[in-house]
C-alpha atoms as a PDB file:
ATOM      1  CA  MET A   1     -36.184  33.097 -54.173  1.00  0.00           C
ATOM      2  CA  GLN A   2     -36.751  29.732 -52.500  1.00  0.00           C
ATOM      3  CA  GLN A   3     -32.969  29.295 -52.037  1.00  0.00           C
ATOM      4  CA  THR A   4     -32.765  32.729 -50.329  1.00  0.00           C
ATOM      5  CA  ALA A   5     -35.566  31.771 -47.932  1.00  0.00           C
ATOM      6  CA  LYS A   6     -33.792  28.513 -47.044  1.00  0.00           C
ATOM      7  CA  THR A   7     -30.500  30.356 -46.478  1.00  0.00           C
ATOM      8  CA  LEU A   8     -32.247  32.919 -44.303  1.00  0.00           C
ATOM      9  CA  MET A   9     -33.927  30.168 -42.237  1.00  0.00           C
ATOM     10  CA  VAL A  10     -30.593  28.375 -41.716  1.00  0.00           C
ATOM     11  CA  CYS A  11     -28.919  31.641 -40.675  1.00  0.00           C
ATOM     12  CA  LEU A  12     -31.719  32.410 -38.198  1.00  0.00           C
ATOM     13  CA  PHE A  13     -31.524  28.893 -36.760  1.00  0.00           C
ATOM     14  CA  ILE A  14     -27.738  29.164 -36.285  1.00  0.00           C
ATOM     15  CA  ALA A  15     -28.060  32.619 -34.695  1.00  0.00           C
ATOM     16  CA  ALA A  16     -30.737  31.366 -32.305  1.00  0.00           C
ATOM     17  CA  LEU A  17     -28.634  28.330 -31.394  1.00  0.00           C
ATOM     18  CA  MET A  18     -25.545  30.462 -30.743  1.00  0.00           C
ATOM     19  CA  GLY A  19     -27.576  32.889 -28.634  1.00  0.00           C
ATOM     20  CA  SER A  20     -28.995  30.124 -26.465  1.00  0.00           C
ATOM     21  CA  VAL A  21     -25.544  28.596 -25.911  1.00  0.00           C
ATOM     22  CA  ALA A  22     -24.075  31.981 -24.977  1.00  0.00           C
ATOM     23  CA  CYS A  23     -26.903  32.723 -22.553  1.00  0.00           C
ATOM     24  CA  SER A  24     -26.879  29.308 -20.910  1.00  0.00           C
ATOM     25  CA  LYS A  25     -23.652  29.897 -19.006  1.00  0.00           C
ATOM     26  CA  LYS A  26     -24.569  30.850 -15.471  1.00  0.00           C
ATOM     27  CA  ASN A  27     -22.257  33.254 -13.723  1.00  0.00           C
ATOM     28  CA  PRO A  28     -21.226  32.326 -10.207  1.00  0.00           C
ATOM     29  CA  PRO A  29     -22.697  34.487  -7.460  1.00  0.00           C
ATOM     30  CA  PRO A  30     -20.586  37.505  -6.568  1.00  0.00           C
ATOM     31  CA  ALA A  31     -18.318  37.346  -3.556  1.00  0.00           C
ATOM     32  CA  ALA A  32     -19.392  39.123  -0.413  1.00  0.00           C
ATOM     33  CA  TYR A  33     -19.050  42.883  -0.570  1.00  0.00           C
ATOM     34  CA  ASP A  34     -16.462  44.769   1.427  1.00  0.00           C
ATOM     35  CA  THR A  35     -18.579  47.739   2.325  1.00  0.00           C
ATOM     36  CA  ASN A  36     -15.569  49.668   3.564  1.00  0.00           C
ATOM     37  CA  ALA A  37     -14.241  49.952   0.022  1.00  0.00           C
ATOM     38  CA  GLY A  38     -17.449  49.436  -1.946  1.00  0.00           C
ATOM     39  CA  GLN A  39     -16.003  46.617  -4.026  1.00  0.00           C
ATOM     40  CA  GLU A  40     -16.126  42.847  -4.144  1.00  0.00           C
ATOM     41  CA  MET A  41     -13.868  40.956  -1.819  1.00  0.00           C
ATOM     42  CA  GLU A  42     -13.234  37.511  -0.498  1.00  0.00           C
ATOM     43  CA  GLU A  43     -13.691  36.820   3.197  1.00  0.00           C
ATOM     44  CA  ALA A  44     -10.016  35.831   3.428  1.00  0.00           C
ATOM     45  CA  ASP A  45      -9.017  39.302   2.183  1.00  0.00           C
ATOM     46  CA  LEU A  46     -10.591  40.784   5.288  1.00  0.00           C
ATOM     47  CA  GLY A  47      -8.654  38.442   7.545  1.00  0.00           C
ATOM     48  CA  ALA A  48     -11.998  37.143   8.749  1.00  0.00           C
ATOM     49  CA  GLY A  49     -10.284  34.033  10.087  1.00  0.00           C
ATOM     50  CA  GLU A  50      -8.853  36.255  12.787  1.00  0.00           C
ATOM     51  CA  PHE A  51     -12.236  37.720  13.702  1.00  0.00           C
ATOM     52  CA  ARG A  52     -13.943  35.512  16.242  1.00  0.00           C
ATOM     53  CA  SER A  53     -17.336  35.201  17.771  1.00  0.00           C
ATOM     54  CA  PRO A  54     -17.527  37.171  21.025  1.00  0.00           C
ATOM     55  CA  ALA A  55     -18.724  34.040  22.873  1.00  0.00           C
ATOM     56  CA  GLU A  56     -15.540  32.201  21.757  1.00  0.00           C
ATOM     57  CA  ILE A  57     -13.371  34.932  23.268  1.00  0.00           C
ATOM     58  CA  ASP A  58     -15.255  35.344  26.543  1.00  0.00           C
ATOM     59  CA  PRO A  59     -18.763  34.061  27.256  1.00  0.00           C
ATOM     60  CA  ALA A  60     -19.548  37.359  29.006  1.00  0.00           C
ATOM     61  CA  LEU A  61     -19.067  39.173  25.691  1.00  0.00           C
ATOM     62  CA  ALA A  62     -22.019  37.304  24.195  1.00  0.00           C
ATOM     63  CA  ALA A  63     -24.318  39.380  26.412  1.00  0.00           C
ATOM     64  CA  ILE A  64     -22.894  42.593  24.941  1.00  0.00           C
ATOM     65  CA  PHE A  65     -22.520  41.515  21.310  1.00  0.00           C
ATOM     66  CA  GLN A  66     -26.035  40.252  20.686  1.00  0.00           C
ATOM     67  CA  ASN A  67     -27.361  40.057  17.149  1.00  0.00           C
ATOM     68  CA  ILE A  68     -29.408  43.053  16.111  1.00  0.00           C
ATOM     69  CA  LEU A  69     -32.605  42.251  14.228  1.00  0.00           C
ATOM     70  CA  PHE A  70     -34.315  44.058  11.368  1.00  0.00           C
ATOM     71  CA  GLY A  71     -37.818  44.179   9.962  1.00  0.00           C
ATOM     72  CA  PHE A  72     -38.699  42.713   6.584  1.00  0.00           C
ATOM     73  CA  ASP A  73     -36.961  44.663   3.809  1.00  0.00           C
ATOM     74  CA  GLN A  74     -35.639  47.155   6.385  1.00  0.00           C
ATOM     75  CA  TYR A  75     -32.235  48.390   7.433  1.00  0.00           C
ATOM     76  CA  SER A  76     -33.288  51.063   9.920  1.00  0.00           C
ATOM     77  CA  LEU A  77     -32.291  50.402  13.511  1.00  0.00           C
ATOM     78  CA  THR A  78     -34.952  49.530  16.040  1.00  0.00           C
ATOM     79  CA  PRO A  79     -34.805  50.933  19.596  1.00  0.00           C
ATOM     80  CA  GLN A  80     -33.668  47.476  20.776  1.00  0.00           C
ATOM     81  CA  ALA A  81     -30.875  47.438  18.164  1.00  0.00           C
ATOM     82  CA  ARG A  82     -29.747  50.900  19.272  1.00  0.00           C
ATOM     83  CA  ALA A  83     -29.602  49.724  22.890  1.00  0.00           C
ATOM     84  CA  ILE A  84     -27.411  46.782  21.882  1.00  0.00           C
ATOM     85  CA  LEU A  85     -25.191  49.078  19.813  1.00  0.00           C
ATOM     86  CA  ASP A  86     -24.886  51.468  22.767  1.00  0.00           C
ATOM     87  CA  GLY A  87     -23.448  48.578  24.795  1.00  0.00           C
ATOM     88  CA  ILE A  88     -21.094  47.595  21.975  1.00  0.00           C
ATOM     89  CA  GLY A  89     -19.973  51.214  21.625  1.00  0.00           C
ATOM     90  CA  ALA A  90     -19.219  51.452  25.347  1.00  0.00           C
ATOM     91  CA  TRP A  91     -17.215  48.219  25.168  1.00  0.00           C
ATOM     92  CA  MET A  92     -15.285  49.499  22.144  1.00  0.00           C
ATOM     93  CA  LYS A  93     -14.440  52.745  23.947  1.00  0.00           C
ATOM     94  CA  ASN A  94     -13.036  50.679  26.842  1.00  0.00           C
ATOM     95  CA  ASN A  95     -11.117  48.394  24.446  1.00  0.00           C
ATOM     96  CA  PRO A  96      -9.527  50.799  21.932  1.00  0.00           C
ATOM     97  CA  ALA A  97      -7.207  48.194  20.375  1.00  0.00           C
ATOM     98  CA  LYS A  98     -10.077  45.913  19.345  1.00  0.00           C
ATOM     99  CA  LEU A  99     -11.647  45.768  15.889  1.00  0.00           C
ATOM    100  CA  VAL A 100     -15.210  44.739  15.126  1.00  0.00           C
ATOM    101  CA  LEU A 101     -16.642  43.083  12.038  1.00  0.00           C
ATOM    102  CA  ILE A 102     -20.363  43.599  11.408  1.00  0.00           C
ATOM    103  CA  GLU A 103     -21.952  40.953   9.206  1.00  0.00           C
ATOM    104  CA  GLY A 104     -25.167  41.882   7.406  1.00  0.00           C
ATOM    105  CA  HIS A 105     -27.635  39.032   6.850  1.00  0.00           C
ATOM    106  CA  THR A 106     -31.085  38.661   5.273  1.00  0.00           C
ATOM    107  CA  ASP A 107     -33.793  36.053   5.033  1.00  0.00           C
ATOM    108  CA  GLU A 108     -34.170  33.945   1.898  1.00  0.00           C
ATOM    109  CA  ARG A 109     -36.765  36.119   0.185  1.00  0.00           C
ATOM    110  CA  GLY A 110     -35.545  38.318  -2.649  1.00  0.00           C
ATOM    111  CA  THR A 111     -32.869  37.806  -5.278  1.00  0.00           C
ATOM    112  CA  TYR A 112     -29.299  36.967  -4.368  1.00  0.00           C
ATOM    113  CA  GLU A 113     -28.093  40.402  -5.483  1.00  0.00           C
ATOM    114  CA  TYR A 114     -30.865  42.270  -3.690  1.00  0.00           C
ATOM    115  CA  ASN A 115     -30.198  40.402  -0.441  1.00  0.00           C
ATOM    116  CA  LEU A 116     -26.473  41.055  -0.690  1.00  0.00           C
ATOM    117  CA  ALA A 117     -27.182  44.782  -1.059  1.00  0.00           C
ATOM    118  CA  LEU A 118     -29.708  44.730   1.812  1.00  0.00           C
ATOM    119  CA  GLY A 119     -27.209  42.942   4.074  1.00  0.00           C
ATOM    120  CA  ASP A 120     -24.705  45.636   3.155  1.00  0.00           C
ATOM    121  CA  ARG A 121     -27.125  48.406   4.150  1.00  0.00           C
ATOM    122  CA  ARG A 122     -27.872  46.641   7.448  1.00  0.00           C
ATOM    123  CA  ALA A 123     -24.206  46.293   8.371  1.00  0.00           C
ATOM    124  CA  ASN A 124     -23.529  49.902   7.414  1.00  0.00           C
ATOM    125  CA  SER A 125     -26.460  51.250   9.423  1.00  0.00           C
ATOM    126  CA  ALA A 126     -24.916  49.636  12.507  1.00  0.00           C
ATOM    127  CA  LYS A 127     -21.470  50.970  11.591  1.00  0.00           C
ATOM    128  CA  THR A 128     -22.847  54.476  11.117  1.00  0.00           C
ATOM    129  CA  TYR A 129     -24.532  54.358  14.514  1.00  0.00           C
ATOM    130  CA  LEU A 130     -21.308  53.245  16.213  1.00  0.00           C
ATOM    131  CA  THR A 131     -19.317  56.023  14.526  1.00  0.00           C
ATOM    132  CA  GLN A 132     -21.923  58.527  15.729  1.00  0.00           C
ATOM    133  CA  LEU A 133     -21.163  57.262  19.244  1.00  0.00           C
ATOM    134  CA  GLY A 134     -17.536  58.294  18.691  1.00  0.00           C
ATOM    135  CA  ILE A 135     -16.000  54.996  17.577  1.00  0.00           C
ATOM    136  CA  ASP A 136     -13.349  55.406  14.880  1.00  0.00           C
ATOM    137  CA  ALA A 137     -14.720  54.054  11.589  1.00  0.00           C
ATOM    138  CA  ALA A 138     -11.318  52.467  10.862  1.00  0.00           C
ATOM    139  CA  ARG A 139     -11.993  50.014  13.714  1.00  0.00           C
ATOM    140  CA  ILE A 140     -15.258  48.780  12.207  1.00  0.00           C
ATOM    141  CA  TYR A 141     -15.403  46.473   9.203  1.00  0.00           C
ATOM    142  CA  THR A 142     -18.549  45.382   7.430  1.00  0.00           C
ATOM    143  CA  ILE A 143     -19.401  42.513   5.147  1.00  0.00           C
ATOM    144  CA  SER A 144     -22.656  41.281   3.656  1.00  0.00           C
ATOM    145  CA  TYR A 145     -23.556  37.629   3.402  1.00  0.00           C
ATOM    146  CA  GLY A 146     -27.110  38.263   2.243  1.00  0.00           C
ATOM    147  CA  GLU A 147     -29.113  35.055   2.607  1.00  0.00           C
ATOM    148  CA  GLU A 148     -26.099  32.709   2.529  1.00  0.00           C
ATOM    149  CA  ARG A 149     -25.641  32.093   6.274  1.00  0.00           C
ATOM    150  CA  PRO A 150     -29.012  31.574   7.931  1.00  0.00           C
ATOM    151  CA  VAL A 151     -29.119  30.878  11.671  1.00  0.00           C
ATOM    152  CA  ALA A 152     -32.634  29.459  11.482  1.00  0.00           C
ATOM    153  CA  MET A 153     -33.778  26.999   8.859  1.00  0.00           C
ATOM    154  CA  GLY A 154     -37.305  27.155   7.541  1.00  0.00           C
ATOM    155  CA  SER A 155     -39.490  29.185   5.257  1.00  0.00           C
ATOM    156  CA  ASN A 156     -41.696  30.852   7.818  1.00  0.00           C
ATOM    157  CA  GLU A 157     -41.824  34.156   9.677  1.00  0.00           C
ATOM    158  CA  ALA A 158     -40.169  32.770  12.822  1.00  0.00           C
ATOM    159  CA  ALA A 159     -37.090  31.645  10.854  1.00  0.00           C
ATOM    160  CA  TRP A 160     -37.026  34.713   8.619  1.00  0.00           C
ATOM    161  CA  ALA A 161     -37.122  37.066  11.637  1.00  0.00           C
ATOM    162  CA  LYS A 162     -33.992  35.433  13.131  1.00  0.00           C
ATOM    163  CA  ASN A 163     -32.127  35.565   9.824  1.00  0.00           C
ATOM    164  CA  ARG A 164     -32.688  39.317   9.275  1.00  0.00           C
ATOM    165  CA  ARG A 165     -29.788  40.354  11.457  1.00  0.00           C
ATOM    166  CA  GLY A 166     -26.512  42.086  12.039  1.00  0.00           C
ATOM    167  CA  GLU A 167     -23.959  39.797  13.668  1.00  0.00           C
ATOM    168  CA  PHE A 168     -20.671  40.806  15.289  1.00  0.00           C
ATOM    169  CA  LYS A 169     -17.159  39.388  15.384  1.00  0.00           C
ATOM    170  CA  ILE A 170     -14.141  40.720  17.290  1.00  0.00           C
ATOM    171  CA  LYS A 171     -10.427  40.918  16.500  1.00  0.00           C
END
């Protein structure tokens, strides 16, 4: 009986040790999501190197392609965001060969996965609005960076408000 108890204790110890080793491996964070296809992708797969900041192309474009901002834990468009998107839509109608990439960003609060999904919803809400203006959806790409690319450092409302954004690139 005592031998059985010892054997059982050794088996439990080995099982616990194996379980802790198996669980200790941390998976790398997922790549950014390609919201056009609904699957993981790498930025290089999108050809993001060819997408450029509007200000790099022509400083006058920076006035049109302003970042759109979102409320905490929100992806609905504000009236100010809609006004910016109206200007972007007009520009896209006048430049039918151009493509636009919408990057969805969040502040640092929330889990990595949650923020990636929220950034995805933000980028897609802007894309949906532009398609409702008559822009062909095939000309609009989206990607979520979640909390990975903040424009403002700090853990306060002023920084968080700037990081909750949709940002645009042109190709």
